[in-house]
Amino acid sequence: MATIGENIEKYRNKLGLTQDDLVRKSGVKHTTLTKIEGDFVQKPSVQVIAKITKALGVSVEDLLK
């Protein structure tokens, strides 16, 4: 089972977005996104996940698979 960070990176890459693109689109801090994708933060806040899922156009469930 993939981690939330791995799934964010997967969906981000599918859309052809860089981390900087996702940061601008979601409003999440670059350091926060980097930590989540690097699995340093394994349980990000609901607010952060909501911003990222909206920017990626996916559901929370998609990130938890």
PDB file of N, CA and C in Angstrom:
ATOM      1  N   MET A   1       0.841  -1.186   0.000  1.00  0.00           N
ATOM      2  CA  MET A   1       0.000   0.000   0.000  1.00  0.00           C
ATOM      3  C   MET A   1       0.882   1.245   0.000  1.00  0.00           C
ATOM      4  N   ALA A   2       0.594   2.155  -0.885  1.00  0.00           N
ATOM      5  CA  ALA A   2       1.386   3.377  -1.011  1.00  0.00           C
ATOM      6  C   ALA A   2       1.056   4.341   0.137  1.00  0.00           C
ATOM      7  N   THR A   3       2.001   5.200   0.445  1.00  0.00           N
ATOM      8  CA  THR A   3       1.772   6.213   1.476  1.00  0.00           C
ATOM      9  C   THR A   3       1.045   7.409   0.857  1.00  0.00           C
ATOM     10  N   ILE A   4       0.539   8.274   1.701  1.00  0.00           N
ATOM     11  CA  ILE A   4      -0.125   9.491   1.215  1.00  0.00           C
ATOM     12  C   ILE A   4       0.853  10.292   0.360  1.00  0.00           C
ATOM     13  N   GLY A   5       2.088  10.404   0.826  1.00  0.00           N
ATOM     14  CA  GLY A   5       3.102  11.155   0.087  1.00  0.00           C
ATOM     15  C   GLY A   5       3.371  10.581  -1.294  1.00  0.00           C
ATOM     16  N   GLU A   6       3.452   9.262  -1.373  1.00  0.00           N
ATOM     17  CA  GLU A   6       3.676   8.606  -2.668  1.00  0.00           C
ATOM     18  C   GLU A   6       2.497   8.846  -3.607  1.00  0.00           C
ATOM     19  N   ASN A   7       1.286   8.794  -3.052  1.00  0.00           N
ATOM     20  CA  ASN A   7       0.099   9.017  -3.877  1.00  0.00           C
ATOM     21  C   ASN A   7       0.000  10.460  -4.356  1.00  0.00           C
ATOM     22  N   ILE A   8       0.348  11.409  -3.501  1.00  0.00           N
ATOM     23  CA  ILE A   8       0.349  12.812  -3.928  1.00  0.00           C
ATOM     24  C   ILE A   8       1.325  12.991  -5.076  1.00  0.00           C
ATOM     25  N   GLU A   9       2.511  12.436  -4.921  1.00  0.00           N
ATOM     26  CA  GLU A   9       3.524  12.546  -5.977  1.00  0.00           C
ATOM     27  C   GLU A   9       3.041  11.884  -7.270  1.00  0.00           C
ATOM     28  N   LYS A  10       2.394  10.727  -7.149  1.00  0.00           N
ATOM     29  CA  LYS A  10       1.887  10.013  -8.324  1.00  0.00           C
ATOM     30  C   LYS A  10       0.859  10.858  -9.079  1.00  0.00           C
ATOM     31  N   TYR A  11      -0.122  11.395  -8.367  1.00  0.00           N
ATOM     32  CA  TYR A  11      -1.158  12.205  -9.016  1.00  0.00           C
ATOM     33  C   TYR A  11      -0.581  13.516  -9.547  1.00  0.00           C
ATOM     34  N   ARG A  12       0.359  14.094  -8.826  1.00  0.00           N
ATOM     35  CA  ARG A  12       1.000  15.335  -9.275  1.00  0.00           C
ATOM     36  C   ARG A  12       1.736  15.094 -10.588  1.00  0.00           C
ATOM     37  N   ASN A  13       2.467  13.994 -10.658  1.00  0.00           N
ATOM     38  CA  ASN A  13       3.211  13.667 -11.878  1.00  0.00           C
ATOM     39  C   ASN A  13       2.270  13.342 -13.043  1.00  0.00           C
ATOM     40  N   LYS A  14       1.148  12.670 -12.749  1.00  0.00           N
ATOM     41  CA  LYS A  14       0.161  12.370 -13.796  1.00  0.00           C
ATOM     42  C   LYS A  14      -0.344  13.644 -14.455  1.00  0.00           C
ATOM     43  N   LEU A  15      -0.468  14.698 -13.649  1.00  0.00           N
ATOM     44  CA  LEU A  15      -0.959  15.977 -14.163  1.00  0.00           C
ATOM     45  C   LEU A  15       0.158  16.829 -14.759  1.00  0.00           C
ATOM     46  N   GLY A  16       1.393  16.336 -14.663  1.00  0.00           N
ATOM     47  CA  GLY A  16       2.526  17.084 -15.204  1.00  0.00           C
ATOM     48  C   GLY A  16       2.890  18.296 -14.366  1.00  0.00           C
ATOM     49  N   LEU A  17       2.566  18.241 -13.072  1.00  0.00           N
ATOM     50  CA  LEU A  17       2.847  19.360 -12.178  1.00  0.00           C
ATOM     51  C   LEU A  17       4.152  19.157 -11.423  1.00  0.00           C
ATOM     52  N   THR A  18       4.899  20.232 -11.233  1.00  0.00           N
ATOM     53  CA  THR A  18       6.064  20.194 -10.357  1.00  0.00           C
ATOM     54  C   THR A  18       5.576  20.458  -8.937  1.00  0.00           C
ATOM     55  N   GLN A  19       6.455  20.303  -7.977  1.00  0.00           N
ATOM     56  CA  GLN A  19       6.085  20.639  -6.603  1.00  0.00           C
ATOM     57  C   GLN A  19       5.719  22.121  -6.513  1.00  0.00           C
ATOM     58  N   ASP A  20       6.487  22.961  -7.203  1.00  0.00           N
ATOM     59  CA  ASP A  20       6.189  24.399  -7.193  1.00  0.00           C
ATOM     60  C   ASP A  20       4.801  24.687  -7.754  1.00  0.00           C
ATOM     61  N   ASP A  21       4.428  23.983  -8.832  1.00  0.00           N
ATOM     62  CA  ASP A  21       3.100  24.157  -9.418  1.00  0.00           C
ATOM     63  C   ASP A  21       2.015  23.807  -8.398  1.00  0.00           C
ATOM     64  N   LEU A  22       2.199  22.683  -7.721  1.00  0.00           N
ATOM     65  CA  LEU A  22       1.198  22.240  -6.748  1.00  0.00           C
ATOM     66  C   LEU A  22       1.137  23.189  -5.554  1.00  0.00           C
ATOM     67  N   VAL A  23       2.279  23.707  -5.148  1.00  0.00           N
ATOM     68  CA  VAL A  23       2.314  24.677  -4.048  1.00  0.00           C
ATOM     69  C   VAL A  23       1.483  25.910  -4.414  1.00  0.00           C
ATOM     70  N   ARG A  24       1.692  26.418  -5.610  1.00  0.00           N
ATOM     71  CA  ARG A  24       0.929  27.599  -6.059  1.00  0.00           C
ATOM     72  C   ARG A  24      -0.563  27.292  -6.184  1.00  0.00           C
ATOM     73  N   LYS A  25      -0.881  26.139  -6.724  1.00  0.00           N
ATOM     74  CA  LYS A  25      -2.273  25.761  -6.967  1.00  0.00           C
ATOM     75  C   LYS A  25      -3.032  25.457  -5.668  1.00  0.00           C
ATOM     76  N   SER A  26      -2.332  24.885  -4.676  1.00  0.00           N
ATOM     77  CA  SER A  26      -2.996  24.456  -3.445  1.00  0.00           C
ATOM     78  C   SER A  26      -2.896  25.457  -2.299  1.00  0.00           C
ATOM     79  N   GLY A  27      -1.851  26.285  -2.314  1.00  0.00           N
ATOM     80  CA  GLY A  27      -1.643  27.202  -1.197  1.00  0.00           C
ATOM     81  C   GLY A  27      -0.926  26.567  -0.021  1.00  0.00           C
ATOM     82  N   VAL A  28      -0.461  25.339  -0.184  1.00  0.00           N
ATOM     83  CA  VAL A  28       0.288  24.638   0.860  1.00  0.00           C
ATOM     84  C   VAL A  28       1.754  25.084   0.777  1.00  0.00           C
ATOM     85  N   LYS A  29       2.411  25.226   1.927  1.00  0.00           N
ATOM     86  CA  LYS A  29       3.819  25.628   1.930  1.00  0.00           C
ATOM     87  C   LYS A  29       4.686  24.570   1.258  1.00  0.00           C
ATOM     88  N   HIS A  30       5.727  25.035   0.573  1.00  0.00           N
ATOM     89  CA  HIS A  30       6.629  24.119  -0.141  1.00  0.00           C
ATOM     90  C   HIS A  30       7.268  23.130   0.831  1.00  0.00           C
ATOM     91  N   THR A  31       7.694  23.612   1.987  1.00  0.00           N
ATOM     92  CA  THR A  31       8.334  22.705   2.956  1.00  0.00           C
ATOM     93  C   THR A  31       7.357  21.631   3.426  1.00  0.00           C
ATOM     94  N   THR A  32       6.089  21.997   3.580  1.00  0.00           N
ATOM     95  CA  THR A  32       5.076  21.032   4.006  1.00  0.00           C
ATOM     96  C   THR A  32       4.894  19.951   2.943  1.00  0.00           C
ATOM     97  N   LEU A  33       4.762  20.374   1.688  1.00  0.00           N
ATOM     98  CA  LEU A  33       4.588  19.404   0.603  1.00  0.00           C
ATOM     99  C   LEU A  33       5.791  18.482   0.486  1.00  0.00           C
ATOM    100  N   THR A  34       6.982  19.040   0.581  1.00  0.00           N
ATOM    101  CA  THR A  34       8.210  18.251   0.488  1.00  0.00           C
ATOM    102  C   THR A  34       8.265  17.212   1.610  1.00  0.00           C
ATOM    103  N   LYS A  35       7.896  17.613   2.813  1.00  0.00           N
ATOM    104  CA  LYS A  35       7.911  16.691   3.953  1.00  0.00           C
ATOM    105  C   LYS A  35       6.878  15.577   3.784  1.00  0.00           C
ATOM    106  N   ILE A  36       5.715  15.908   3.243  1.00  0.00           N
ATOM    107  CA  ILE A  36       4.675  14.891   3.035  1.00  0.00           C
ATOM    108  C   ILE A  36       5.114  13.913   1.950  1.00  0.00           C
ATOM    109  N   GLU A  37       5.582  14.440   0.816  1.00  0.00           N
ATOM    110  CA  GLU A  37       6.005  13.557  -0.275  1.00  0.00           C
ATOM    111  C   GLU A  37       7.215  12.724   0.123  1.00  0.00           C
ATOM    112  N   GLY A  38       8.055  13.246   0.996  1.00  0.00           N
ATOM    113  CA  GLY A  38       9.240  12.514   1.455  1.00  0.00           C
ATOM    114  C   GLY A  38       8.948  11.580   2.617  1.00  0.00           C
ATOM    115  N   ASP A  39       7.686  11.499   3.014  1.00  0.00           N
ATOM    116  CA  ASP A  39       7.226  10.639   4.115  1.00  0.00           C
ATOM    117  C   ASP A  39       7.808  11.012   5.473  1.00  0.00           C
ATOM    118  N   PHE A  40       8.229  12.276   5.622  1.00  0.00           N
ATOM    119  CA  PHE A  40       8.654  12.753   6.943  1.00  0.00           C
ATOM    120  C   PHE A  40       7.435  13.107   7.776  1.00  0.00           C
ATOM    121  N   VAL A  41       6.354  13.482   7.094  1.00  0.00           N
ATOM    122  CA  VAL A  41       5.063  13.729   7.738  1.00  0.00           C
ATOM    123  C   VAL A  41       4.110  12.693   7.165  1.00  0.00           C
ATOM    124  N   GLN A  42       3.663  11.771   8.005  1.00  0.00           N
ATOM    125  CA  GLN A  42       2.829  10.687   7.510  1.00  0.00           C
ATOM    126  C   GLN A  42       1.349  10.900   7.787  1.00  0.00           C
ATOM    127  N   LYS A  43       1.036  11.853   8.669  1.00  0.00           N
ATOM    128  CA  LYS A  43      -0.364  12.155   8.963  1.00  0.00           C
ATOM    129  C   LYS A  43      -0.567  13.667   8.888  1.00  0.00           C
ATOM    130  N   PRO A  44      -0.607  14.189   7.646  1.00  0.00           N
ATOM    131  CA  PRO A  44      -0.817  15.637   7.500  1.00  0.00           C
ATOM    132  C   PRO A  44      -2.207  16.043   7.976  1.00  0.00           C
ATOM    133  N   SER A  45      -2.373  17.322   8.278  1.00  0.00           N
ATOM    134  CA  SER A  45      -3.659  17.802   8.784  1.00  0.00           C
ATOM    135  C   SER A  45      -4.745  17.683   7.718  1.00  0.00           C
ATOM    136  N   VAL A  46      -5.972  17.659   8.179  1.00  0.00           N
ATOM    137  CA  VAL A  46      -7.123  17.562   7.287  1.00  0.00           C
ATOM    138  C   VAL A  46      -7.157  18.771   6.349  1.00  0.00           C
ATOM    139  N   GLN A  47      -6.810  19.949   6.877  1.00  0.00           N
ATOM    140  CA  GLN A  47      -6.825  21.162   6.060  1.00  0.00           C
ATOM    141  C   GLN A  47      -5.828  21.069   4.913  1.00  0.00           C
ATOM    142  N   VAL A  48      -4.633  20.560   5.192  1.00  0.00           N
ATOM    143  CA  VAL A  48      -3.599  20.430   4.160  1.00  0.00           C
ATOM    144  C   VAL A  48      -4.042  19.420   3.106  1.00  0.00           C
ATOM    145  N   ILE A  49      -4.561  18.289   3.542  1.00  0.00           N
ATOM    146  CA  ILE A  49      -5.024  17.263   2.601  1.00  0.00           C
ATOM    147  C   ILE A  49      -6.161  17.805   1.743  1.00  0.00           C
ATOM    148  N   ALA A  50      -7.073  18.576   2.336  1.00  0.00           N
ATOM    149  CA  ALA A  50      -8.186  19.146   1.580  1.00  0.00           C
ATOM    150  C   ALA A  50      -7.677  20.075   0.480  1.00  0.00           C
ATOM    151  N   LYS A  51      -6.694  20.894   0.793  1.00  0.00           N
ATOM    152  CA  LYS A  51      -6.126  21.811  -0.203  1.00  0.00           C
ATOM    153  C   LYS A  51      -5.450  21.041  -1.339  1.00  0.00           C
ATOM    154  N   ILE A  52      -4.704  19.997  -0.974  1.00  0.00           N
ATOM    155  CA  ILE A  52      -3.977  19.213  -1.981  1.00  0.00           C
ATOM    156  C   ILE A  52      -4.942  18.433  -2.868  1.00  0.00           C
ATOM    157  N   THR A  53      -5.955  17.800  -2.263  1.00  0.00           N
ATOM    158  CA  THR A  53      -6.898  17.027  -3.069  1.00  0.00           C
ATOM    159  C   THR A  53      -7.669  17.928  -4.029  1.00  0.00           C
ATOM    160  N   LYS A  54      -8.041  19.112  -3.574  1.00  0.00           N
ATOM    161  CA  LYS A  54      -8.749  20.056  -4.441  1.00  0.00           C
ATOM    162  C   LYS A  54      -7.861  20.466  -5.623  1.00  0.00           C
ATOM    163  N   ALA A  55      -6.595  20.758  -5.338  1.00  0.00           N
ATOM    164  CA  ALA A  55      -5.664  21.177  -6.390  1.00  0.00           C
ATOM    165  C   ALA A  55      -5.395  20.052  -7.391  1.00  0.00           C
ATOM    166  N   LEU A  56      -5.384  18.801  -6.910  1.00  0.00           N
ATOM    167  CA  LEU A  56      -5.118  17.657  -7.786  1.00  0.00           C
ATOM    168  C   LEU A  56      -6.387  17.120  -8.454  1.00  0.00           C
ATOM    169  N   GLY A  57      -7.543  17.520  -7.936  1.00  0.00           N
ATOM    170  CA  GLY A  57      -8.805  17.030  -8.490  1.00  0.00           C
ATOM    171  C   GLY A  57      -9.068  15.575  -8.153  1.00  0.00           C
ATOM    172  N   VAL A  58      -8.623  15.154  -6.975  1.00  0.00           N
ATOM    173  CA  VAL A  58      -8.837  13.777  -6.522  1.00  0.00           C
ATOM    174  C   VAL A  58      -9.532  13.796  -5.168  1.00  0.00           C
ATOM    175  N   SER A  59      -9.993  12.639  -4.725  1.00  0.00           N
ATOM    176  CA  SER A  59     -10.649  12.541  -3.422  1.00  0.00           C
ATOM    177  C   SER A  59      -9.627  12.152  -2.354  1.00  0.00           C
ATOM    178  N   VAL A  60      -9.999  12.351  -1.112  1.00  0.00           N
ATOM    179  CA  VAL A  60      -9.148  11.935   0.002  1.00  0.00           C
ATOM    180  C   VAL A  60      -8.912  10.429  -0.073  1.00  0.00           C
ATOM    181  N   GLU A  61      -9.956   9.693  -0.439  1.00  0.00           N
ATOM    182  CA  GLU A  61      -9.841   8.228  -0.554  1.00  0.00           C
ATOM    183  C   GLU A  61      -8.766   7.835  -1.565  1.00  0.00           C
ATOM    184  N   ASP A  62      -8.664   8.605  -2.668  1.00  0.00           N
ATOM    185  CA  ASP A  62      -7.631   8.322  -3.669  1.00  0.00           C
ATOM    186  C   ASP A  62      -6.233   8.394  -3.057  1.00  0.00           C
ATOM    187  N   LEU A  63      -6.032   9.341  -2.149  1.00  0.00           N
ATOM    188  CA  LEU A  63      -4.712   9.498  -1.541  1.00  0.00           C
ATOM    189  C   LEU A  63      -4.423   8.439  -0.487  1.00  0.00           C
ATOM    190  N   LEU A  64      -5.474   7.823   0.041  1.00  0.00           N
ATOM    191  CA  LEU A  64      -5.302   6.831   1.101  1.00  0.00           C
ATOM    192  C   LEU A  64      -5.164   5.404   0.575  1.00  0.00           C
ATOM    193  N   LYS A  65      -5.337   5.205  -0.719  1.00  0.00           N
ATOM    194  CA  LYS A  65      -5.261   3.858  -1.301  1.00  0.00           C
ATOM    195  C   LYS A  65      -3.850   3.344  -1.280  1.00  0.00           C
TER     196      LYS A  65
END
